[in-house]
Amino acid sequence: KMLSIVPLLAGGGLFETGAGGSAPKHVDQFLECGHLRWDSLGEFLALAESLRMIYQKTEDSKVGALTEGLDKANEGYLDNDKAPSRKCGEPDNKASHYWVARYWAEALSTQTADSGLAEKFTPVAEALVKNEEQILSELIAAEGKPQDIGGYFHPDDAKAEKAMRPSATLNNIIDSI
């Protein structure tokens, strides 16, 4: 797990994650049994840093609230040990994304910097909490069988989306935003 933040000369930033060379093994396991053990912590942290850079340049209160909310979501992810298991049949990367989405929505629903965001994300947070058991059950049920994503280096978008978004309950909540 790693995150490299590189400021660029023209004012941009480069946010790089991952460096261990384990991705091919993760993809092989996913194709074999639908379990993706890749830990997206680096991506979650990189997204927070990207938002932070935008906020520092724009001072947009919505972006600031999104940044602080994602920081809290990342804290929840770490504090509650929601990293993916290595074993098929246990929570994987898809479950980790549920937890970050939930913690982020909860943080946005309770923040006071932007009432519009709080209003928008309160029902999302409530739905994610209320449907936790159903969502996690749907995610686990999708494991244990081979996945066809239409190719290794250039997967078919529709097939990959179907494999990576197996919870209709979670999809409905996320798609409602």
N, C-alpha and C. Protein backbone atom coordinates (compact mmCIF):
# COMPACT_ATOMS: atom_id res chain seq x y z
N LYS A 1 0.85 -1.17 0.00
CA LYS A 1 0.00 0.00 0.00
C LYS A 1 0.89 1.23 0.00
N MET A 2 0.64 2.10 -0.94
CA MET A 2 1.44 3.33 -0.98
C MET A 2 0.67 4.41 -1.72
N LEU A 3 1.03 5.63 -1.41
CA LEU A 3 0.49 6.80 -2.10
C LEU A 3 1.64 7.77 -2.28
N SER A 4 1.85 8.18 -3.51
CA SER A 4 2.88 9.16 -3.82
C SER A 4 2.18 10.40 -4.35
N ILE A 5 2.45 11.55 -3.73
CA ILE A 5 1.87 12.82 -4.15
C ILE A 5 3.00 13.68 -4.69
N VAL A 6 2.92 14.01 -5.98
CA VAL A 6 3.98 14.77 -6.63
C VAL A 6 3.40 16.07 -7.18
N PRO A 7 3.80 17.23 -6.62
CA PRO A 7 3.35 18.49 -7.19
C PRO A 7 4.04 18.71 -8.55
N LEU A 8 3.28 19.16 -9.53
CA LEU A 8 3.83 19.39 -10.86
C LEU A 8 4.16 20.87 -11.05
N LEU A 9 5.09 21.16 -11.93
CA LEU A 9 5.59 22.52 -12.13
C LEU A 9 4.50 23.51 -12.51
N ALA A 10 3.55 23.08 -13.32
CA ALA A 10 2.50 23.99 -13.77
C ALA A 10 1.34 24.10 -12.78
N GLY A 11 1.50 23.52 -11.58
CA GLY A 11 0.49 23.68 -10.54
C GLY A 11 -0.41 22.48 -10.35
N GLY A 12 -0.29 21.48 -11.17
CA GLY A 12 -1.10 20.28 -11.01
C GLY A 12 -0.49 19.32 -10.01
N GLY A 13 -0.99 18.12 -10.01
CA GLY A 13 -0.47 17.11 -9.10
C GLY A 13 -0.56 15.73 -9.71
N LEU A 14 0.33 14.88 -9.30
CA LEU A 14 0.34 13.48 -9.71
C LEU A 14 0.11 12.66 -8.46
N PHE A 15 -0.91 11.82 -8.49
CA PHE A 15 -1.28 11.02 -7.33
C PHE A 15 -1.17 9.56 -7.75
N GLU A 16 -0.12 8.90 -7.31
CA GLU A 16 0.18 7.54 -7.76
C GLU A 16 0.00 6.56 -6.61
N THR A 17 -0.64 5.44 -6.91
CA THR A 17 -0.84 4.41 -5.89
C THR A 17 -0.37 3.07 -6.43
N GLY A 18 0.00 2.20 -5.54
CA GLY A 18 0.38 0.84 -5.90
C GLY A 18 1.75 0.76 -6.53
N ALA A 19 2.54 -0.21 -6.11
CA ALA A 19 3.87 -0.37 -6.69
C ALA A 19 4.40 -1.77 -6.50
N GLY A 20 3.59 -2.68 -6.00
CA GLY A 20 4.10 -3.99 -5.63
C GLY A 20 4.09 -5.04 -6.72
N GLY A 21 3.40 -4.80 -7.82
CA GLY A 21 3.36 -5.78 -8.89
C GLY A 21 2.41 -6.93 -8.65
N SER A 22 1.49 -6.78 -7.70
CA SER A 22 0.59 -7.89 -7.36
C SER A 22 -0.70 -7.90 -8.17
N ALA A 23 -0.95 -6.87 -8.95
CA ALA A 23 -2.23 -6.77 -9.67
C ALA A 23 -2.54 -7.99 -10.53
N PRO A 24 -1.60 -8.56 -11.27
CA PRO A 24 -1.95 -9.74 -12.09
C PRO A 24 -2.51 -10.90 -11.26
N LYS A 25 -1.96 -11.12 -10.07
CA LYS A 25 -2.46 -12.20 -9.21
C LYS A 25 -3.88 -11.88 -8.74
N HIS A 26 -4.13 -10.62 -8.46
CA HIS A 26 -5.47 -10.22 -8.02
C HIS A 26 -6.48 -10.43 -9.14
N VAL A 27 -6.11 -10.05 -10.35
CA VAL A 27 -7.02 -10.22 -11.49
C VAL A 27 -7.27 -11.71 -11.74
N ASP A 28 -6.23 -12.52 -11.67
CA ASP A 28 -6.40 -13.96 -11.86
C ASP A 28 -7.41 -14.53 -10.86
N GLN A 29 -7.27 -14.15 -9.59
CA GLN A 29 -8.20 -14.64 -8.57
C GLN A 29 -9.62 -14.14 -8.86
N PHE A 30 -9.74 -12.90 -9.28
CA PHE A 30 -11.06 -12.36 -9.59
C PHE A 30 -11.70 -13.13 -10.74
N LEU A 31 -10.94 -13.42 -11.78
CA LEU A 31 -11.48 -14.17 -12.91
C LEU A 31 -11.86 -15.59 -12.51
N GLU A 32 -11.12 -16.18 -11.60
CA GLU A 32 -11.39 -17.55 -11.15
C GLU A 32 -12.62 -17.66 -10.27
N CYS A 33 -12.79 -16.70 -9.34
CA CYS A 33 -13.88 -16.88 -8.36
C CYS A 33 -14.64 -15.60 -8.02
N GLY A 34 -14.40 -14.51 -8.75
CA GLY A 34 -15.17 -13.30 -8.50
C GLY A 34 -14.77 -12.52 -7.26
N HIS A 35 -13.62 -12.84 -6.69
CA HIS A 35 -13.15 -12.17 -5.48
C HIS A 35 -11.96 -11.29 -5.83
N LEU A 36 -12.11 -9.98 -5.60
CA LEU A 36 -11.02 -9.04 -5.87
C LEU A 36 -10.42 -8.58 -4.55
N ARG A 37 -9.22 -9.05 -4.26
CA ARG A 37 -8.60 -8.75 -2.97
C ARG A 37 -7.79 -7.46 -2.98
N TRP A 38 -7.75 -6.76 -4.10
CA TRP A 38 -7.03 -5.49 -4.20
C TRP A 38 -7.56 -4.52 -3.16
N ASP A 39 -6.67 -3.93 -2.41
CA ASP A 39 -7.06 -2.94 -1.41
C ASP A 39 -6.98 -1.56 -2.05
N SER A 40 -8.11 -0.89 -2.16
CA SER A 40 -8.18 0.42 -2.82
C SER A 40 -7.86 1.58 -1.88
N LEU A 41 -7.29 1.31 -0.71
CA LEU A 41 -6.96 2.39 0.21
C LEU A 41 -6.14 3.48 -0.48
N GLY A 42 -5.15 3.10 -1.26
CA GLY A 42 -4.34 4.09 -1.97
C GLY A 42 -5.18 4.98 -2.87
N GLU A 43 -6.13 4.38 -3.58
CA GLU A 43 -7.01 5.17 -4.45
C GLU A 43 -7.91 6.09 -3.63
N PHE A 44 -8.43 5.57 -2.51
CA PHE A 44 -9.28 6.41 -1.66
C PHE A 44 -8.50 7.62 -1.14
N LEU A 45 -7.27 7.38 -0.72
CA LEU A 45 -6.42 8.47 -0.22
C LEU A 45 -6.04 9.43 -1.34
N ALA A 46 -5.74 8.89 -2.52
CA ALA A 46 -5.38 9.74 -3.66
C ALA A 46 -6.56 10.63 -4.06
N LEU A 47 -7.76 10.08 -4.02
CA LEU A 47 -8.94 10.89 -4.35
C LEU A 47 -9.09 12.02 -3.34
N ALA A 48 -8.89 11.73 -2.06
CA ALA A 48 -8.98 12.79 -1.04
C ALA A 48 -7.94 13.87 -1.29
N GLU A 49 -6.73 13.48 -1.63
CA GLU A 49 -5.67 14.47 -1.90
C GLU A 49 -5.97 15.26 -3.17
N SER A 50 -6.55 14.63 -4.17
CA SER A 50 -6.94 15.33 -5.39
C SER A 50 -8.00 16.38 -5.08
N LEU A 51 -9.00 15.98 -4.30
CA LEU A 51 -10.04 16.93 -3.90
C LEU A 51 -9.45 18.07 -3.07
N ARG A 52 -8.52 17.73 -2.18
CA ARG A 52 -7.88 18.75 -1.34
C ARG A 52 -7.15 19.78 -2.21
N MET A 53 -6.46 19.31 -3.25
CA MET A 53 -5.75 20.22 -4.14
C MET A 53 -6.74 21.15 -4.86
N ILE A 54 -7.86 20.60 -5.30
CA ILE A 54 -8.88 21.42 -5.95
C ILE A 54 -9.43 22.45 -4.97
N TYR A 55 -9.70 22.02 -3.74
CA TYR A 55 -10.21 22.94 -2.73
C TYR A 55 -9.22 24.07 -2.45
N GLN A 56 -7.95 23.73 -2.34
CA GLN A 56 -6.93 24.75 -2.08
C GLN A 56 -6.85 25.77 -3.20
N LYS A 57 -7.12 25.35 -4.42
CA LYS A 57 -7.06 26.27 -5.56
C LYS A 57 -8.35 27.07 -5.75
N THR A 58 -9.49 26.48 -5.37
CA THR A 58 -10.78 27.11 -5.66
C THR A 58 -11.49 27.66 -4.43
N GLU A 59 -11.18 27.12 -3.26
CA GLU A 59 -11.87 27.46 -2.02
C GLU A 59 -13.38 27.22 -2.12
N ASP A 60 -13.77 26.29 -2.97
CA ASP A 60 -15.18 25.91 -3.13
C ASP A 60 -15.61 25.10 -1.90
N SER A 61 -16.61 25.60 -1.18
CA SER A 61 -17.02 24.96 0.07
C SER A 61 -17.53 23.53 -0.13
N LYS A 62 -18.17 23.27 -1.27
CA LYS A 62 -18.63 21.91 -1.55
C LYS A 62 -17.43 20.96 -1.66
N VAL A 63 -16.41 21.39 -2.36
CA VAL A 63 -15.21 20.55 -2.51
C VAL A 63 -14.54 20.36 -1.15
N GLY A 64 -14.52 21.40 -0.34
CA GLY A 64 -13.97 21.27 1.01
C GLY A 64 -14.74 20.25 1.84
N ALA A 65 -16.07 20.30 1.75
CA ALA A 65 -16.90 19.35 2.50
C ALA A 65 -16.70 17.93 1.98
N LEU A 66 -16.60 17.78 0.65
CA LEU A 66 -16.33 16.46 0.07
C LEU A 66 -14.99 15.91 0.55
N THR A 67 -13.99 16.79 0.60
CA THR A 67 -12.66 16.38 1.04
C THR A 67 -12.67 15.93 2.50
N GLU A 68 -13.25 16.75 3.36
CA GLU A 68 -13.31 16.39 4.78
C GLU A 68 -14.12 15.12 4.99
N GLY A 69 -15.20 14.99 4.22
CA GLY A 69 -16.02 13.79 4.33
C GLY A 69 -15.26 12.54 3.93
N LEU A 70 -14.49 12.64 2.84
CA LEU A 70 -13.71 11.48 2.40
C LEU A 70 -12.59 11.18 3.39
N ASP A 71 -12.02 12.20 4.00
CA ASP A 71 -11.03 11.96 5.06
C ASP A 71 -11.66 11.13 6.19
N LYS A 72 -12.88 11.50 6.58
CA LYS A 72 -13.57 10.76 7.64
C LYS A 72 -13.91 9.34 7.19
N ALA A 73 -14.29 9.20 5.92
CA ALA A 73 -14.58 7.87 5.39
C ALA A 73 -13.33 7.00 5.42
N ASN A 74 -12.21 7.57 5.03
CA ASN A 74 -10.95 6.82 5.05
C ASN A 74 -10.57 6.44 6.48
N GLU A 75 -10.82 7.34 7.43
CA GLU A 75 -10.57 7.02 8.83
C GLU A 75 -11.44 5.85 9.28
N GLY A 76 -12.72 5.89 8.91
CA GLY A 76 -13.63 4.80 9.26
C GLY A 76 -13.20 3.48 8.66
N TYR A 77 -12.76 3.53 7.41
CA TYR A 77 -12.27 2.35 6.70
C TYR A 77 -11.11 1.72 7.46
N LEU A 78 -10.18 2.56 7.90
CA LEU A 78 -9.01 2.07 8.63
C LEU A 78 -9.36 1.66 10.07
N ASP A 79 -10.10 2.50 10.77
CA ASP A 79 -10.44 2.21 12.16
C ASP A 79 -11.24 0.92 12.31
N ASN A 80 -12.08 0.63 11.32
CA ASN A 80 -12.96 -0.54 11.39
C ASN A 80 -12.45 -1.72 10.58
N ASP A 81 -11.22 -1.61 10.09
CA ASP A 81 -10.55 -2.70 9.37
C ASP A 81 -11.43 -3.27 8.25
N LYS A 82 -11.78 -2.44 7.30
CA LYS A 82 -12.65 -2.85 6.20
C LYS A 82 -11.88 -3.18 4.93
N ALA A 83 -10.58 -3.45 5.07
CA ALA A 83 -9.78 -3.86 3.92
C ALA A 83 -10.27 -5.22 3.43
N PRO A 84 -10.09 -5.51 2.14
CA PRO A 84 -10.56 -6.78 1.60
C PRO A 84 -9.82 -7.98 2.18
N SER A 85 -10.54 -9.07 2.31
CA SER A 85 -9.93 -10.34 2.69
C SER A 85 -9.22 -10.92 1.47
N ARG A 86 -8.30 -11.80 1.71
CA ARG A 86 -7.60 -12.48 0.61
C ARG A 86 -8.39 -13.69 0.11
N LYS A 87 -9.40 -14.13 0.88
CA LYS A 87 -10.09 -15.39 0.59
C LYS A 87 -11.43 -15.19 -0.10
N CYS A 88 -11.66 -16.01 -1.11
CA CYS A 88 -12.94 -16.02 -1.80
C CYS A 88 -14.03 -16.42 -0.80
N GLY A 89 -15.19 -15.75 -0.89
CA GLY A 89 -16.28 -16.01 0.02
C GLY A 89 -16.29 -15.09 1.23
N GLU A 90 -15.31 -14.20 1.30
CA GLU A 90 -15.24 -13.20 2.36
C GLU A 90 -15.27 -11.82 1.70
N PRO A 91 -15.52 -10.76 2.46
CA PRO A 91 -15.61 -9.42 1.85
C PRO A 91 -14.36 -9.06 1.05
N ASP A 92 -14.59 -8.50 -0.13
CA ASP A 92 -13.49 -8.13 -1.02
C ASP A 92 -13.52 -6.64 -1.31
N ASN A 93 -12.89 -6.25 -2.40
CA ASN A 93 -12.80 -4.85 -2.81
C ASN A 93 -14.17 -4.21 -2.97
N LYS A 94 -15.12 -4.96 -3.47
CA LYS A 94 -16.47 -4.41 -3.66
C LYS A 94 -17.09 -4.04 -2.32
N ALA A 95 -16.88 -4.86 -1.31
CA ALA A 95 -17.38 -4.55 0.03
C ALA A 95 -16.65 -3.33 0.61
N SER A 96 -15.35 -3.23 0.34
CA SER A 96 -14.60 -2.05 0.79
C SER A 96 -15.19 -0.77 0.22
N HIS A 97 -15.59 -0.84 -1.05
CA HIS A 97 -16.20 0.34 -1.67
C HIS A 97 -17.55 0.66 -1.03
N TYR A 98 -18.30 -0.36 -0.65
CA TYR A 98 -19.55 -0.11 0.08
C TYR A 98 -19.24 0.67 1.35
N TRP A 99 -18.24 0.20 2.11
CA TRP A 99 -17.94 0.85 3.39
C TRP A 99 -17.48 2.29 3.21
N VAL A 100 -16.64 2.55 2.23
CA VAL A 100 -16.20 3.93 2.01
C VAL A 100 -17.38 4.79 1.57
N ALA A 101 -18.22 4.27 0.69
CA ALA A 101 -19.41 5.03 0.27
C ALA A 101 -20.30 5.33 1.47
N ARG A 102 -20.50 4.36 2.31
CA ARG A 102 -21.34 4.56 3.49
C ARG A 102 -20.73 5.59 4.44
N TYR A 103 -19.46 5.40 4.79
CA TYR A 103 -18.82 6.34 5.71
C TYR A 103 -18.78 7.75 5.13
N TRP A 104 -18.57 7.86 3.83
CA TRP A 104 -18.53 9.17 3.17
C TRP A 104 -19.91 9.80 3.21
N ALA A 105 -20.94 9.04 2.87
CA ALA A 105 -22.30 9.57 2.90
C ALA A 105 -22.69 9.99 4.31
N GLU A 106 -22.32 9.19 5.30
CA GLU A 106 -22.61 9.55 6.69
C GLU A 106 -21.92 10.86 7.07
N ALA A 107 -20.66 11.00 6.67
CA ALA A 107 -19.92 12.23 6.99
C ALA A 107 -20.54 13.44 6.29
N LEU A 108 -20.94 13.26 5.04
CA LEU A 108 -21.54 14.37 4.30
C LEU A 108 -22.90 14.74 4.88
N SER A 109 -23.63 13.75 5.38
CA SER A 109 -24.97 14.03 5.91
C SER A 109 -24.93 14.78 7.23
N THR A 110 -23.81 14.70 7.94
CA THR A 110 -23.72 15.36 9.25
C THR A 110 -22.86 16.62 9.25
N GLN A 111 -22.17 16.89 8.14
CA GLN A 111 -21.32 18.09 8.11
C GLN A 111 -22.21 19.33 8.01
N THR A 112 -21.67 20.47 8.42
CA THR A 112 -22.45 21.71 8.45
C THR A 112 -21.90 22.78 7.51
N ALA A 113 -20.85 22.48 6.78
CA ALA A 113 -20.26 23.47 5.87
C ALA A 113 -21.12 23.72 4.65
N ASP A 114 -21.90 22.72 4.22
CA ASP A 114 -22.73 22.87 3.03
C ASP A 114 -24.05 22.12 3.27
N SER A 115 -25.10 22.89 3.55
CA SER A 115 -26.39 22.28 3.88
C SER A 115 -26.99 21.51 2.70
N GLY A 116 -26.70 21.94 1.48
CA GLY A 116 -27.20 21.22 0.31
C GLY A 116 -26.64 19.82 0.22
N LEU A 117 -25.34 19.68 0.49
CA LEU A 117 -24.73 18.34 0.49
C LEU A 117 -25.31 17.49 1.62
N ALA A 118 -25.49 18.09 2.79
CA ALA A 118 -26.06 17.34 3.91
C ALA A 118 -27.45 16.84 3.56
N GLU A 119 -28.25 17.70 2.95
CA GLU A 119 -29.61 17.32 2.57
C GLU A 119 -29.60 16.21 1.51
N LYS A 120 -28.70 16.32 0.55
CA LYS A 120 -28.62 15.33 -0.53
C LYS A 120 -28.15 13.97 -0.03
N PHE A 121 -27.20 13.96 0.92
CA PHE A 121 -26.60 12.70 1.34
C PHE A 121 -27.23 12.06 2.57
N THR A 122 -28.13 12.75 3.25
CA THR A 122 -28.81 12.14 4.40
C THR A 122 -29.61 10.90 3.98
N PRO A 123 -30.45 10.98 2.95
CA PRO A 123 -31.17 9.75 2.56
C PRO A 123 -30.25 8.66 2.02
N VAL A 124 -29.16 9.05 1.40
CA VAL A 124 -28.19 8.07 0.89
C VAL A 124 -27.56 7.33 2.07
N ALA A 125 -27.10 8.08 3.07
CA ALA A 125 -26.49 7.46 4.25
C ALA A 125 -27.49 6.55 4.95
N GLU A 126 -28.72 7.02 5.10
CA GLU A 126 -29.75 6.21 5.76
C GLU A 126 -30.00 4.91 5.00
N ALA A 127 -30.07 4.99 3.68
CA ALA A 127 -30.32 3.79 2.87
C ALA A 127 -29.15 2.82 2.94
N LEU A 128 -27.92 3.34 2.95
CA LEU A 128 -26.75 2.47 3.04
C LEU A 128 -26.70 1.75 4.38
N VAL A 129 -27.05 2.45 5.45
CA VAL A 129 -27.07 1.83 6.78
C VAL A 129 -28.19 0.80 6.86
N LYS A 130 -29.38 1.21 6.44
CA LYS A 130 -30.56 0.33 6.53
C LYS A 130 -30.37 -0.96 5.74
N ASN A 131 -29.69 -0.88 4.60
CA ASN A 131 -29.55 -2.02 3.71
C ASN A 131 -28.20 -2.73 3.80
N GLU A 132 -27.44 -2.44 4.86
CA GLU A 132 -26.10 -3.02 5.00
C GLU A 132 -26.10 -4.54 4.83
N GLU A 133 -26.93 -5.23 5.58
CA GLU A 133 -26.94 -6.70 5.54
C GLU A 133 -27.27 -7.22 4.14
N GLN A 134 -28.27 -6.63 3.50
CA GLN A 134 -28.67 -7.05 2.15
C GLN A 134 -27.54 -6.81 1.15
N ILE A 135 -26.93 -5.65 1.22
CA ILE A 135 -25.85 -5.30 0.29
C ILE A 135 -24.67 -6.26 0.45
N LEU A 136 -24.22 -6.45 1.68
CA LEU A 136 -23.07 -7.33 1.91
C LEU A 136 -23.39 -8.77 1.51
N SER A 137 -24.63 -9.19 1.73
CA SER A 137 -25.06 -10.53 1.32
C SER A 137 -25.01 -10.67 -0.20
N GLU A 138 -25.49 -9.66 -0.92
CA GLU A 138 -25.46 -9.70 -2.39
C GLU A 138 -24.02 -9.71 -2.91
N LEU A 139 -23.14 -8.97 -2.26
CA LEU A 139 -21.74 -8.94 -2.70
C LEU A 139 -21.07 -10.29 -2.50
N ILE A 140 -21.29 -10.92 -1.36
CA ILE A 140 -20.69 -12.23 -1.09
C ILE A 140 -21.29 -13.30 -2.01
N ALA A 141 -22.60 -13.21 -2.26
CA ALA A 141 -23.27 -14.21 -3.12
C ALA A 141 -22.71 -14.21 -4.53
N ALA A 142 -22.13 -13.11 -4.96
CA ALA A 142 -21.58 -13.02 -6.32
C ALA A 142 -20.24 -13.73 -6.45
N GLU A 143 -19.64 -14.11 -5.33
CA GLU A 143 -18.34 -14.77 -5.36
C GLU A 143 -18.49 -16.28 -5.51
N GLY A 144 -17.37 -16.93 -5.84
CA GLY A 144 -17.36 -18.38 -5.91
C GLY A 144 -17.58 -18.95 -7.30
N LYS A 145 -17.67 -18.08 -8.29
CA LYS A 145 -17.84 -18.56 -9.66
C LYS A 145 -16.97 -17.74 -10.60
N PRO A 146 -16.53 -18.35 -11.70
CA PRO A 146 -15.69 -17.63 -12.66
C PRO A 146 -16.39 -16.39 -13.22
N GLN A 147 -15.59 -15.39 -13.55
CA GLN A 147 -16.11 -14.14 -14.09
C GLN A 147 -15.64 -13.96 -15.53
N ASP A 148 -16.56 -13.54 -16.38
CA ASP A 148 -16.22 -13.21 -17.77
C ASP A 148 -16.31 -11.70 -17.90
N ILE A 149 -15.15 -11.05 -18.03
CA ILE A 149 -15.15 -9.60 -18.20
C ILE A 149 -14.79 -9.21 -19.63
N GLY A 150 -14.72 -10.19 -20.51
CA GLY A 150 -14.52 -9.90 -21.92
C GLY A 150 -13.10 -9.58 -22.33
N GLY A 151 -12.14 -9.95 -21.52
CA GLY A 151 -10.74 -9.69 -21.88
C GLY A 151 -9.94 -9.28 -20.68
N TYR A 152 -8.65 -9.55 -20.75
CA TYR A 152 -7.77 -9.26 -19.62
C TYR A 152 -7.26 -7.82 -19.68
N PHE A 153 -6.66 -7.43 -20.79
CA PHE A 153 -6.08 -6.08 -20.90
C PHE A 153 -7.10 -5.04 -21.35
N HIS A 154 -8.09 -5.46 -22.10
CA HIS A 154 -9.13 -4.55 -22.58
C HIS A 154 -10.49 -5.18 -22.33
N PRO A 155 -10.92 -5.19 -21.07
CA PRO A 155 -12.20 -5.83 -20.77
C PRO A 155 -13.37 -5.08 -21.40
N ASP A 156 -14.43 -5.80 -21.59
CA ASP A 156 -15.68 -5.23 -22.08
C ASP A 156 -16.31 -4.45 -20.92
N ASP A 157 -16.61 -3.18 -21.14
CA ASP A 157 -17.12 -2.33 -20.05
C ASP A 157 -18.38 -2.90 -19.41
N ALA A 158 -19.33 -3.35 -20.22
CA ALA A 158 -20.59 -3.85 -19.67
C ALA A 158 -20.37 -5.11 -18.84
N LYS A 159 -19.52 -6.01 -19.32
CA LYS A 159 -19.25 -7.24 -18.57
C LYS A 159 -18.49 -6.94 -17.28
N ALA A 160 -17.53 -6.04 -17.35
CA ALA A 160 -16.76 -5.69 -16.15
C ALA A 160 -17.66 -5.00 -15.13
N GLU A 161 -18.54 -4.12 -15.59
CA GLU A 161 -19.46 -3.45 -14.67
C GLU A 161 -20.38 -4.46 -14.00
N LYS A 162 -20.88 -5.41 -14.76
CA LYS A 162 -21.76 -6.44 -14.18
C LYS A 162 -21.02 -7.23 -13.10
N ALA A 163 -19.76 -7.58 -13.37
CA ALA A 163 -18.97 -8.35 -12.41
C ALA A 163 -18.60 -7.53 -11.17
N MET A 164 -18.34 -6.25 -11.36
CA MET A 164 -17.89 -5.41 -10.25
C MET A 164 -19.02 -4.72 -9.49
N ARG A 165 -20.25 -4.77 -10.03
CA ARG A 165 -21.39 -4.14 -9.36
C ARG A 165 -22.51 -5.16 -9.17
N PRO A 166 -22.26 -6.24 -8.42
CA PRO A 166 -23.24 -7.32 -8.33
C PRO A 166 -24.39 -7.08 -7.36
N SER A 167 -24.36 -6.00 -6.60
CA SER A 167 -25.43 -5.73 -5.63
C SER A 167 -26.44 -4.76 -6.22
N ALA A 168 -27.61 -5.28 -6.57
CA ALA A 168 -28.67 -4.42 -7.11
C ALA A 168 -29.08 -3.37 -6.08
N THR A 169 -29.08 -3.74 -4.81
CA THR A 169 -29.46 -2.81 -3.75
C THR A 169 -28.48 -1.65 -3.68
N LEU A 170 -27.20 -1.94 -3.64
CA LEU A 170 -26.19 -0.89 -3.60
C LEU A 170 -26.24 -0.05 -4.87
N ASN A 171 -26.37 -0.69 -6.02
CA ASN A 171 -26.43 0.04 -7.29
C ASN A 171 -27.58 1.03 -7.30
N ASN A 172 -28.75 0.62 -6.82
CA ASN A 172 -29.91 1.52 -6.80
C ASN A 172 -29.65 2.74 -5.92
N ILE A 173 -29.00 2.53 -4.79
CA ILE A 173 -28.70 3.65 -3.88
C ILE A 173 -27.69 4.59 -4.53
N ILE A 174 -26.61 4.04 -5.05
CA ILE A 174 -25.57 4.87 -5.67
C ILE A 174 -26.12 5.59 -6.90
N ASP A 175 -26.89 4.89 -7.71
CA ASP A 175 -27.43 5.50 -8.92
C ASP A 175 -28.46 6.59 -8.62
N SER A 176 -28.98 6.63 -7.39
CA SER A 176 -29.96 7.66 -7.02
C SER A 176 -29.32 9.01 -6.72
N ILE A 177 -28.00 9.03 -6.58
CA ILE A 177 -27.32 10.28 -6.21
C ILE A 177 -27.31 11.23 -7.39
